[in-house]
C-alpha atoms as a PDB file:
ATOM      1  CA  MET A   1       3.315   0.418 -15.097  1.00  0.00           C
ATOM      2  CA  ALA A   2      -0.331  -0.534 -15.504  1.00  0.00           C
ATOM      3  CA  ASP A   3      -2.650   2.189 -14.266  1.00  0.00           C
ATOM      4  CA  TYR A   4      -3.922   0.563 -11.079  1.00  0.00           C
ATOM      5  CA  SER A   5      -4.663   4.039  -9.700  1.00  0.00           C
ATOM      6  CA  GLU A   6      -7.284   4.930 -12.306  1.00  0.00           C
ATOM      7  CA  ASN A   7     -10.184   3.508 -10.246  1.00  0.00           C
ATOM      8  CA  LEU A   8      -8.613   3.097  -6.816  1.00  0.00           C
ATOM      9  CA  ASP A   9     -11.930   3.001  -5.008  1.00  0.00           C
ATOM     10  CA  HIS A  10     -12.737  -0.226  -6.899  1.00  0.00           C
ATOM     11  CA  ASP A  11      -9.352  -1.976  -6.809  1.00  0.00           C
ATOM     12  CA  THR A  12      -8.672  -4.536  -4.133  1.00  0.00           C
ATOM     13  CA  VAL A  13      -5.833  -6.846  -3.153  1.00  0.00           C
ATOM     14  CA  THR A  14      -6.074  -9.963  -1.003  1.00  0.00           C
ATOM     15  CA  LEU A  15      -3.214 -10.247   1.480  1.00  0.00           C
ATOM     16  CA  TYR A  16      -2.215 -13.646   2.838  1.00  0.00           C
ATOM     17  CA  LEU A  17      -0.605 -13.037   6.220  1.00  0.00           C
ATOM     18  CA  ASP A  18       1.901 -15.305   7.968  1.00  0.00           C
ATOM     19  CA  ASN A  19      -0.816 -16.553  10.337  1.00  0.00           C
ATOM     20  CA  ASP A  20      -2.809 -17.863   7.299  1.00  0.00           C
ATOM     21  CA  GLU A  21      -5.324 -15.022   7.649  1.00  0.00           C
ATOM     22  CA  GLU A  22      -6.701 -13.523   4.431  1.00  0.00           C
ATOM     23  CA  VAL A  23      -7.285  -9.774   4.468  1.00  0.00           C
ATOM     24  CA  GLU A  24      -9.148  -8.090   1.623  1.00  0.00           C
ATOM     25  CA  CYS A  25      -7.720  -4.583   1.190  1.00  0.00           C
ATOM     26  CA  ASP A  26      -8.575  -1.525  -0.857  1.00  0.00           C
ATOM     27  CA  VAL A  27      -5.751   0.075  -2.813  1.00  0.00           C
ATOM     28  CA  ILE A  28      -5.246   3.589  -1.466  1.00  0.00           C
ATOM     29  CA  ALA A  29      -2.312   4.631  -3.629  1.00  0.00           C
ATOM     30  CA  ILE A  30       0.657   3.532  -5.669  1.00  0.00           C
ATOM     31  CA  PHE A  31       3.412   6.073  -5.193  1.00  0.00           C
ATOM     32  CA  PRO A  32       7.126   6.559  -5.843  1.00  0.00           C
ATOM     33  CA  ALA A  33       9.685   6.410  -3.029  1.00  0.00           C
ATOM     34  CA  ARG A  34      13.396   5.721  -2.859  1.00  0.00           C
ATOM     35  CA  ASP A  35      14.248   4.078  -6.176  1.00  0.00           C
ATOM     36  CA  GLY A  36      10.968   2.284  -6.771  1.00  0.00           C
ATOM     37  CA  GLU A  37       7.237   2.170  -6.343  1.00  0.00           C
ATOM     38  CA  TYR A  38       5.242   1.303  -3.257  1.00  0.00           C
ATOM     39  CA  ILE A  39       1.611   0.520  -2.588  1.00  0.00           C
ATOM     40  CA  ALA A  40      -0.596   1.560   0.338  1.00  0.00           C
ATOM     41  CA  LEU A  41      -3.437  -0.790   1.264  1.00  0.00           C
ATOM     42  CA  ALA A  42      -6.279  -0.406   3.764  1.00  0.00           C
ATOM     43  CA  PRO A  43      -8.172  -3.451   5.060  1.00  0.00           C
ATOM     44  CA  GLN A  44     -11.853  -3.352   4.151  1.00  0.00           C
ATOM     45  CA  ASN A  45     -14.132  -2.637   7.123  1.00  0.00           C
ATOM     46  CA  ASN A  46     -11.104  -0.934   8.654  1.00  0.00           C
ATOM     47  CA  GLU A  47     -12.370   0.917  11.710  1.00  0.00           C
ATOM     48  CA  GLU A  48      -8.868   1.515  13.087  1.00  0.00           C
ATOM     49  CA  GLY A  49      -7.501   3.429  10.071  1.00  0.00           C
ATOM     50  CA  GLN A  50      -4.769   0.840   9.539  1.00  0.00           C
ATOM     51  CA  VAL A  51      -2.648   1.102   6.370  1.00  0.00           C
ATOM     52  CA  TYR A  52      -0.159  -1.456   5.055  1.00  0.00           C
ATOM     53  CA  LEU A  53       2.812  -0.444   2.911  1.00  0.00           C
ATOM     54  CA  TYR A  54       4.615  -2.805   0.526  1.00  0.00           C
ATOM     55  CA  ARG A  55       7.146  -2.585  -2.286  1.00  0.00           C
ATOM     56  CA  PHE A  56       5.183  -2.763  -5.526  1.00  0.00           C
ATOM     57  CA  SER A  57       6.048  -4.226  -8.910  1.00  0.00           C
ATOM     58  CA  GLU A  58       4.077  -5.668 -11.773  1.00  0.00           C
ATOM     59  CA  THR A  59       4.008  -9.294 -12.814  1.00  0.00           C
ATOM     60  CA  GLU A  60       4.900 -10.103 -16.418  1.00  0.00           C
ATOM     61  CA  ASP A  61       1.262 -10.562 -17.426  1.00  0.00           C
ATOM     62  CA  GLU A  62       0.184  -7.449 -15.419  1.00  0.00           C
ATOM     63  CA  SER A  63      -2.794  -9.392 -14.038  1.00  0.00           C
ATOM     64  CA  SER A  64      -1.870  -8.739 -10.424  1.00  0.00           C
ATOM     65  CA  PRO A  65       0.731  -6.730  -8.553  1.00  0.00           C
ATOM     66  CA  LYS A  66       3.737  -8.275  -6.836  1.00  0.00           C
ATOM     67  CA  LEU A  67       4.119  -7.089  -3.249  1.00  0.00           C
ATOM     68  CA  ASP A  68       7.266  -7.409  -1.163  1.00  0.00           C
ATOM     69  CA  ASN A  69       7.610  -6.741   2.550  1.00  0.00           C
ATOM     70  CA  ILE A  70       9.610  -3.758   3.718  1.00  0.00           C
ATOM     71  CA  GLU A  71      12.152  -5.342   6.062  1.00  0.00           C
ATOM     72  CA  ASP A  72      14.453  -2.381   6.781  1.00  0.00           C
ATOM     73  CA  ASP A  73      13.421   0.260   9.368  1.00  0.00           C
ATOM     74  CA  GLU A  74      15.158   3.068   7.477  1.00  0.00           C
ATOM     75  CA  GLU A  75      13.377   2.127   4.251  1.00  0.00           C
ATOM     76  CA  PHE A  76      10.060   1.917   6.096  1.00  0.00           C
ATOM     77  CA  GLU A  77      10.515   5.404   7.572  1.00  0.00           C
ATOM     78  CA  GLU A  78      11.362   6.885   4.156  1.00  0.00           C
ATOM     79  CA  VAL A  79       8.408   5.146   2.507  1.00  0.00           C
ATOM     80  CA  SER A  80       6.024   6.217   5.287  1.00  0.00           C
ATOM     81  CA  GLU A  81       7.130   9.821   4.856  1.00  0.00           C
ATOM     82  CA  ALA A  82       6.740   9.584   1.071  1.00  0.00           C
ATOM     83  CA  PHE A  83       3.248   8.118   1.542  1.00  0.00           C
ATOM     84  CA  TYR A  84       2.124  10.977   3.788  1.00  0.00           C
ATOM     85  CA  GLU A  85       3.610  13.522   1.371  1.00  0.00           C
ATOM     86  CA  TYR A  86       1.788  11.818  -1.511  1.00  0.00           C
ATOM     87  CA  MET A  87      -1.466  11.935   0.427  1.00  0.00           C
ATOM     88  CA  ASP A  88      -0.993  15.632   1.257  1.00  0.00           C
ATOM     89  CA  GLU A  89      -0.160  16.513  -2.355  1.00  0.00           C
ATOM     90  CA  ASN A  90      -3.241  14.706  -3.618  1.00  0.00           C
ATOM     91  CA  ASP A  91      -5.649  16.187  -1.049  1.00  0.00           C
ATOM     92  CA  TYR A  92      -6.535  12.909   0.660  1.00  0.00           C
ATOM     93  CA  GLU A  93      -8.078  13.123   4.106  1.00  0.00           C
ATOM     94  CA  ASP A  94      -5.813  12.426   7.078  1.00  0.00           C
ATOM     95  CA  LEU A  95      -5.679   8.843   8.254  1.00  0.00           C
ATOM     96  CA  ASP A  96      -6.785   8.165  11.815  1.00  0.00           C
ATOM     97  CA  GLU A  97      -3.985   5.764  12.728  1.00  0.00           C
ATOM     98  CA  GLY A  98      -0.501   5.083  11.531  1.00  0.00           C
ATOM     99  CA  VAL A  99       1.014   3.128   8.740  1.00  0.00           C
ATOM    100  CA  THR A 100       1.870  -0.541   9.259  1.00  0.00           C
ATOM    101  CA  ASP A 101       4.231  -2.939   7.536  1.00  0.00           C
ATOM    102  CA  GLU A 102       2.465  -6.276   7.874  1.00  0.00           C
ATOM    103  CA  GLU A 103       4.146  -9.547   7.031  1.00  0.00           C
END
């Protein structure tokens, strides 16, 4: 895996939502859960503390990550728990709101 986490405060990802809205997000963390890796993203200028979780994988050229929606409720719960554990273990501040799976 490329080290996207080295300078997380500078890494961003543009999400293209189903309603054709573009959301520029900061990468909070890339963390292991279940049998893979997941990414946590926070929209820039995010006053509500919203966080999006996606399945994460690299593209062949490693120029940008590939993100897949989490469709299953059980998977989402496990990933959310793993995200909060990751944040606790790495001394991140608590997030104001919850975690969201945005399509």
